[in-house]
Amino acid sequence: MSLLPTEYDEQCILHKWLKFKRIDHFATTNENNTYKQNKKYAMLAEVKAKASGKLKGVSDLEIFIKEFTLYLELKRQPSITKTGKISYKDITTSESQINFLEMVNKYKYKIGFVAYGAEEAINIIEKLMKLDSIDDKKEVYNKICKGIYLNCRDKGKKFIKYKERKCIR
């Protein structure tokens, strides 16, 4: 059993902080998760969701900062191994989540990030609030996090948009 907060706990912490700071936001819902116990209903829910225009991989939170919108995919914070190293072993970002964030980043007033834990998410939001614009996405990623590293399902390494820089932690 892990002592680390779950992704749900992290999102609740972030929601309370956003509310306290009076930052407009909302959680994007994923009804398909409600049917995890019943595969038949999960498949039906997915077919209905797709038919009604719902996308796979939509970020967990949509946050309104100044004149732009942040799409935030929130993951639980990484664990620390016995040797003291940070481990992202059990934390994955699906290909559909990566594709969604890449799509978001094509638009002028939208930006997408993956954050590992509420603390990192708050850090990203506070840094974004200090920027005058997000016109140059490459520059924004360099200022915020030197690019965003994603731990993909296929065990490969993939970076959103600006693949040449690693995230400094």
C-alpha atoms as a PDB file:
ATOM      1  CA  MET A   1       0.000   0.000   0.000  1.00  0.00           C
ATOM      2  CA  SER A   2       1.328   3.418  -1.005  1.00  0.00           C
ATOM      3  CA  LEU A   3       1.384   6.358   1.364  1.00  0.00           C
ATOM      4  CA  LEU A   4       1.379   8.754  -1.588  1.00  0.00           C
ATOM      5  CA  PRO A   5      -1.874  10.551  -2.387  1.00  0.00           C
ATOM      6  CA  THR A   6      -3.893   9.119  -5.271  1.00  0.00           C
ATOM      7  CA  GLU A   7      -4.545  11.088  -8.445  1.00  0.00           C
ATOM      8  CA  TYR A   8      -8.034  11.838  -7.080  1.00  0.00           C
ATOM      9  CA  ASP A   9      -6.549  13.193  -3.816  1.00  0.00           C
ATOM     10  CA  GLU A  10      -4.102  15.361  -5.775  1.00  0.00           C
ATOM     11  CA  GLN A  11      -6.953  16.772  -7.875  1.00  0.00           C
ATOM     12  CA  CYS A  12      -9.005  17.563  -4.747  1.00  0.00           C
ATOM     13  CA  ILE A  13      -6.031  19.431  -3.243  1.00  0.00           C
ATOM     14  CA  LEU A  14      -5.526  21.383  -6.475  1.00  0.00           C
ATOM     15  CA  HIS A  15      -9.251  22.170  -6.745  1.00  0.00           C
ATOM     16  CA  LYS A  16      -9.275  23.598  -3.190  1.00  0.00           C
ATOM     17  CA  TRP A  17      -6.210  25.734  -3.966  1.00  0.00           C
ATOM     18  CA  LEU A  18      -7.743  27.025  -7.222  1.00  0.00           C
ATOM     19  CA  LYS A  19     -10.973  27.829  -5.392  1.00  0.00           C
ATOM     20  CA  PHE A  20      -9.065  29.631  -2.617  1.00  0.00           C
ATOM     21  CA  LYS A  21      -7.139  31.662  -5.226  1.00  0.00           C
ATOM     22  CA  ARG A  22     -10.411  32.364  -7.095  1.00  0.00           C
ATOM     23  CA  ILE A  23      -9.090  30.925 -10.333  1.00  0.00           C
ATOM     24  CA  ASP A  24     -11.907  29.803 -12.612  1.00  0.00           C
ATOM     25  CA  HIS A  25     -11.626  26.152 -13.568  1.00  0.00           C
ATOM     26  CA  PHE A  26     -13.576  22.956 -14.048  1.00  0.00           C
ATOM     27  CA  ALA A  27     -12.886  19.253 -14.104  1.00  0.00           C
ATOM     28  CA  THR A  28     -13.620  17.557 -17.386  1.00  0.00           C
ATOM     29  CA  THR A  29     -15.681  14.467 -16.680  1.00  0.00           C
ATOM     30  CA  ASN A  30     -15.055  10.997 -17.974  1.00  0.00           C
ATOM     31  CA  GLU A  31     -18.213   8.948 -17.556  1.00  0.00           C
ATOM     32  CA  ASN A  32     -16.466   5.839 -18.894  1.00  0.00           C
ATOM     33  CA  ASN A  33     -14.561   5.488 -15.609  1.00  0.00           C
ATOM     34  CA  THR A  34     -17.819   4.810 -13.764  1.00  0.00           C
ATOM     35  CA  TYR A  35     -18.267   1.514 -15.555  1.00  0.00           C
ATOM     36  CA  LYS A  36     -14.871  -0.049 -14.765  1.00  0.00           C
ATOM     37  CA  GLN A  37     -16.502  -2.957 -12.928  1.00  0.00           C
ATOM     38  CA  ASN A  38     -18.763  -3.897 -15.845  1.00  0.00           C
ATOM     39  CA  LYS A  39     -17.017  -4.269 -19.220  1.00  0.00           C
ATOM     40  CA  LYS A  40     -20.289  -4.494 -21.168  1.00  0.00           C
ATOM     41  CA  TYR A  41     -21.514  -1.136 -19.860  1.00  0.00           C
ATOM     42  CA  ALA A  42     -18.038   0.367 -20.262  1.00  0.00           C
ATOM     43  CA  MET A  43     -18.018  -0.570 -23.951  1.00  0.00           C
ATOM     44  CA  LEU A  44     -21.534   0.825 -24.466  1.00  0.00           C
ATOM     45  CA  ALA A  45     -20.609   4.036 -22.637  1.00  0.00           C
ATOM     46  CA  GLU A  46     -17.531   4.439 -24.817  1.00  0.00           C
ATOM     47  CA  VAL A  47     -19.516   3.945 -28.052  1.00  0.00           C
ATOM     48  CA  LYS A  48     -22.146   6.479 -26.902  1.00  0.00           C
ATOM     49  CA  ALA A  49     -19.489   8.975 -25.789  1.00  0.00           C
ATOM     50  CA  LYS A  50     -17.659   8.741 -29.105  1.00  0.00           C
ATOM     51  CA  ALA A  51     -20.914   9.142 -31.068  1.00  0.00           C
ATOM     52  CA  SER A  52     -21.727  12.308 -29.115  1.00  0.00           C
ATOM     53  CA  GLY A  53     -18.323  13.884 -29.846  1.00  0.00           C
ATOM     54  CA  LYS A  54     -16.451  13.110 -26.645  1.00  0.00           C
ATOM     55  CA  LEU A  55     -12.706  12.694 -27.103  1.00  0.00           C
ATOM     56  CA  LYS A  56     -10.435  10.148 -25.502  1.00  0.00           C
ATOM     57  CA  GLY A  57      -7.531  11.646 -23.609  1.00  0.00           C
ATOM     58  CA  VAL A  58      -9.129  14.972 -22.655  1.00  0.00           C
ATOM     59  CA  SER A  59      -7.186  16.556 -19.802  1.00  0.00           C
ATOM     60  CA  ASP A  60      -8.418  16.364 -16.197  1.00  0.00           C
ATOM     61  CA  LEU A  61      -8.779  20.116 -15.643  1.00  0.00           C
ATOM     62  CA  GLU A  62      -9.441  23.208 -17.701  1.00  0.00           C
ATOM     63  CA  ILE A  63      -8.081  26.298 -15.932  1.00  0.00           C
ATOM     64  CA  PHE A  64      -8.606  29.905 -17.046  1.00  0.00           C
ATOM     65  CA  ILE A  65      -5.517  32.077 -16.537  1.00  0.00           C
ATOM     66  CA  LYS A  66      -5.503  35.662 -17.787  1.00  0.00           C
ATOM     67  CA  GLU A  67      -6.457  35.545 -21.479  1.00  0.00           C
ATOM     68  CA  PHE A  68      -5.643  31.884 -22.068  1.00  0.00           C
ATOM     69  CA  THR A  69      -6.754  28.411 -21.039  1.00  0.00           C
ATOM     70  CA  LEU A  70      -4.561  25.776 -19.420  1.00  0.00           C
ATOM     71  CA  TYR A  71      -5.407  22.120 -20.025  1.00  0.00           C
ATOM     72  CA  LEU A  72      -3.831  20.186 -17.193  1.00  0.00           C
ATOM     73  CA  GLU A  73      -3.358  16.438 -17.144  1.00  0.00           C
ATOM     74  CA  LEU A  74      -2.797  15.666 -13.476  1.00  0.00           C
ATOM     75  CA  LYS A  75      -0.929  12.556 -12.394  1.00  0.00           C
ATOM     76  CA  ARG A  76      -0.089  11.441  -8.882  1.00  0.00           C
ATOM     77  CA  GLN A  77       3.325  12.406  -7.615  1.00  0.00           C
ATOM     78  CA  PRO A  78       6.145   9.952  -8.280  1.00  0.00           C
ATOM     79  CA  SER A  79       7.433   7.617  -5.601  1.00  0.00           C
ATOM     80  CA  ILE A  80      10.932   7.653  -4.153  1.00  0.00           C
ATOM     81  CA  THR A  81      12.861   4.390  -4.435  1.00  0.00           C
ATOM     82  CA  LYS A  82      14.923   2.896  -1.603  1.00  0.00           C
ATOM     83  CA  THR A  83      18.027   4.327  -3.270  1.00  0.00           C
ATOM     84  CA  GLY A  84      16.483   7.816  -3.143  1.00  0.00           C
ATOM     85  CA  LYS A  85      15.713   8.132  -6.859  1.00  0.00           C
ATOM     86  CA  ILE A  86      12.422   9.454  -8.211  1.00  0.00           C
ATOM     87  CA  SER A  87      10.400   6.706  -9.909  1.00  0.00           C
ATOM     88  CA  TYR A  88       7.707   7.324 -12.537  1.00  0.00           C
ATOM     89  CA  LYS A  89       7.376   3.559 -13.051  1.00  0.00           C
ATOM     90  CA  ASP A  90       3.644   3.262 -12.311  1.00  0.00           C
ATOM     91  CA  ILE A  91       2.638   6.653 -13.703  1.00  0.00           C
ATOM     92  CA  THR A  92       1.671   6.642 -17.360  1.00  0.00           C
ATOM     93  CA  THR A  93       0.345   9.182 -19.782  1.00  0.00           C
ATOM     94  CA  SER A  94      -1.661   7.491 -22.515  1.00  0.00           C
ATOM     95  CA  GLU A  95      -1.075   8.128 -26.193  1.00  0.00           C
ATOM     96  CA  SER A  96      -4.568   9.706 -26.443  1.00  0.00           C
ATOM     97  CA  GLN A  97      -3.705  12.116 -23.589  1.00  0.00           C
ATOM     98  CA  ILE A  98      -0.462  13.073 -25.335  1.00  0.00           C
ATOM     99  CA  ASN A  99      -2.318  13.569 -28.635  1.00  0.00           C
ATOM    100  CA  PHE A 100      -4.924  15.762 -26.924  1.00  0.00           C
ATOM    101  CA  LEU A 101      -2.252  17.997 -25.360  1.00  0.00           C
ATOM    102  CA  GLU A 102      -0.405  18.256 -28.687  1.00  0.00           C
ATOM    103  CA  MET A 103      -3.700  19.291 -30.336  1.00  0.00           C
ATOM    104  CA  VAL A 104      -4.348  21.915 -27.632  1.00  0.00           C
ATOM    105  CA  ASN A 105      -0.871  23.373 -28.086  1.00  0.00           C
ATOM    106  CA  LYS A 106      -1.615  24.162 -31.748  1.00  0.00           C
ATOM    107  CA  TYR A 107      -4.011  26.923 -30.658  1.00  0.00           C
ATOM    108  CA  LYS A 108      -2.862  30.425 -29.807  1.00  0.00           C
ATOM    109  CA  TYR A 109      -4.675  30.928 -26.480  1.00  0.00           C
ATOM    110  CA  LYS A 110      -4.471  27.337 -25.206  1.00  0.00           C
ATOM    111  CA  ILE A 111      -1.632  25.477 -23.517  1.00  0.00           C
ATOM    112  CA  GLY A 112      -1.356  21.936 -22.180  1.00  0.00           C
ATOM    113  CA  PHE A 113       0.787  20.485 -19.422  1.00  0.00           C
ATOM    114  CA  VAL A 114       1.189  17.247 -17.509  1.00  0.00           C
ATOM    115  CA  ALA A 115       1.790  17.771 -13.786  1.00  0.00           C
ATOM    116  CA  TYR A 116       2.933  15.146 -11.321  1.00  0.00           C
ATOM    117  CA  GLY A 117       1.054  16.033  -8.142  1.00  0.00           C
ATOM    118  CA  ALA A 118      -0.822  19.104  -6.922  1.00  0.00           C
ATOM    119  CA  GLU A 119       2.395  20.840  -5.846  1.00  0.00           C
ATOM    120  CA  GLU A 120       3.884  20.692  -9.351  1.00  0.00           C
ATOM    121  CA  ALA A 121       0.546  21.803 -10.841  1.00  0.00           C
ATOM    122  CA  ILE A 122       0.416  24.819  -8.507  1.00  0.00           C
ATOM    123  CA  ASN A 123       3.998  25.639  -9.467  1.00  0.00           C
ATOM    124  CA  ILE A 124       3.129  25.562 -13.178  1.00  0.00           C
ATOM    125  CA  ILE A 125       0.000  27.705 -12.659  1.00  0.00           C
ATOM    126  CA  GLU A 126       1.869  30.308 -10.593  1.00  0.00           C
ATOM    127  CA  LYS A 127       4.591  30.571 -13.254  1.00  0.00           C
ATOM    128  CA  LEU A 128       2.006  30.869 -16.046  1.00  0.00           C
ATOM    129  CA  MET A 129       0.216  33.655 -14.138  1.00  0.00           C
ATOM    130  CA  LYS A 130       3.438  35.714 -14.237  1.00  0.00           C
ATOM    131  CA  LEU A 131       3.735  35.543 -18.041  1.00  0.00           C
ATOM    132  CA  ASP A 132       2.412  38.320 -20.260  1.00  0.00           C
ATOM    133  CA  SER A 133       1.544  35.997 -23.125  1.00  0.00           C
ATOM    134  CA  ILE A 134       1.842  32.428 -24.342  1.00  0.00           C
ATOM    135  CA  ASP A 135       2.330  33.320 -28.012  1.00  0.00           C
ATOM    136  CA  ASP A 136       5.709  31.572 -28.228  1.00  0.00           C
ATOM    137  CA  LYS A 137       4.920  28.103 -26.818  1.00  0.00           C
ATOM    138  CA  LYS A 138       8.556  27.006 -27.064  1.00  0.00           C
ATOM    139  CA  GLU A 139       9.607  29.944 -24.889  1.00  0.00           C
ATOM    140  CA  VAL A 140       6.796  29.229 -22.402  1.00  0.00           C
ATOM    141  CA  TYR A 141       7.908  25.601 -22.018  1.00  0.00           C
ATOM    142  CA  ASN A 142      11.506  26.736 -21.564  1.00  0.00           C
ATOM    143  CA  LYS A 143      10.505  29.211 -18.837  1.00  0.00           C
ATOM    144  CA  ILE A 144       8.150  26.849 -17.027  1.00  0.00           C
ATOM    145  CA  CYS A 145       9.791  23.469 -17.194  1.00  0.00           C
ATOM    146  CA  LYS A 146      12.369  23.088 -19.978  1.00  0.00           C
ATOM    147  CA  GLY A 147       9.864  20.915 -21.865  1.00  0.00           C
ATOM    148  CA  ILE A 148       7.471  18.398 -20.356  1.00  0.00           C
ATOM    149  CA  TYR A 149       8.576  14.808 -20.002  1.00  0.00           C
ATOM    150  CA  LEU A 150       5.914  12.166 -20.434  1.00  0.00           C
ATOM    151  CA  ASN A 151       6.156   8.586 -19.298  1.00  0.00           C
ATOM    152  CA  CYS A 152       4.334   6.782 -22.102  1.00  0.00           C
ATOM    153  CA  ARG A 153       2.466   3.497 -21.975  1.00  0.00           C
ATOM    154  CA  ASP A 154       4.724   1.961 -24.620  1.00  0.00           C
ATOM    155  CA  LYS A 155       7.714   2.437 -22.277  1.00  0.00           C
ATOM    156  CA  GLY A 156       9.196   4.843 -24.811  1.00  0.00           C
ATOM    157  CA  LYS A 157      10.073   8.441 -24.092  1.00  0.00           C
ATOM    158  CA  LYS A 158       8.063  11.140 -25.780  1.00  0.00           C
ATOM    159  CA  PHE A 159       8.011  14.875 -25.284  1.00  0.00           C
ATOM    160  CA  ILE A 160       5.161  17.221 -26.045  1.00  0.00           C
ATOM    161  CA  LYS A 161       5.971  19.486 -28.963  1.00  0.00           C
ATOM    162  CA  TYR A 162       9.480  20.489 -27.868  1.00  0.00           C
ATOM    163  CA  LYS A 163      11.283  17.178 -27.702  1.00  0.00           C
ATOM    164  CA  GLU A 164      14.819  18.475 -27.331  1.00  0.00           C
ATOM    165  CA  ARG A 165      14.522  19.626 -23.686  1.00  0.00           C
ATOM    166  CA  LYS A 166      13.988  17.602 -20.512  1.00  0.00           C
ATOM    167  CA  CYS A 167      11.935  18.806 -17.587  1.00  0.00           C
ATOM    168  CA  ILE A 168      14.004  19.979 -14.644  1.00  0.00           C
ATOM    169  CA  ARG A 169      12.685  18.570 -11.377  1.00  0.00           C
END
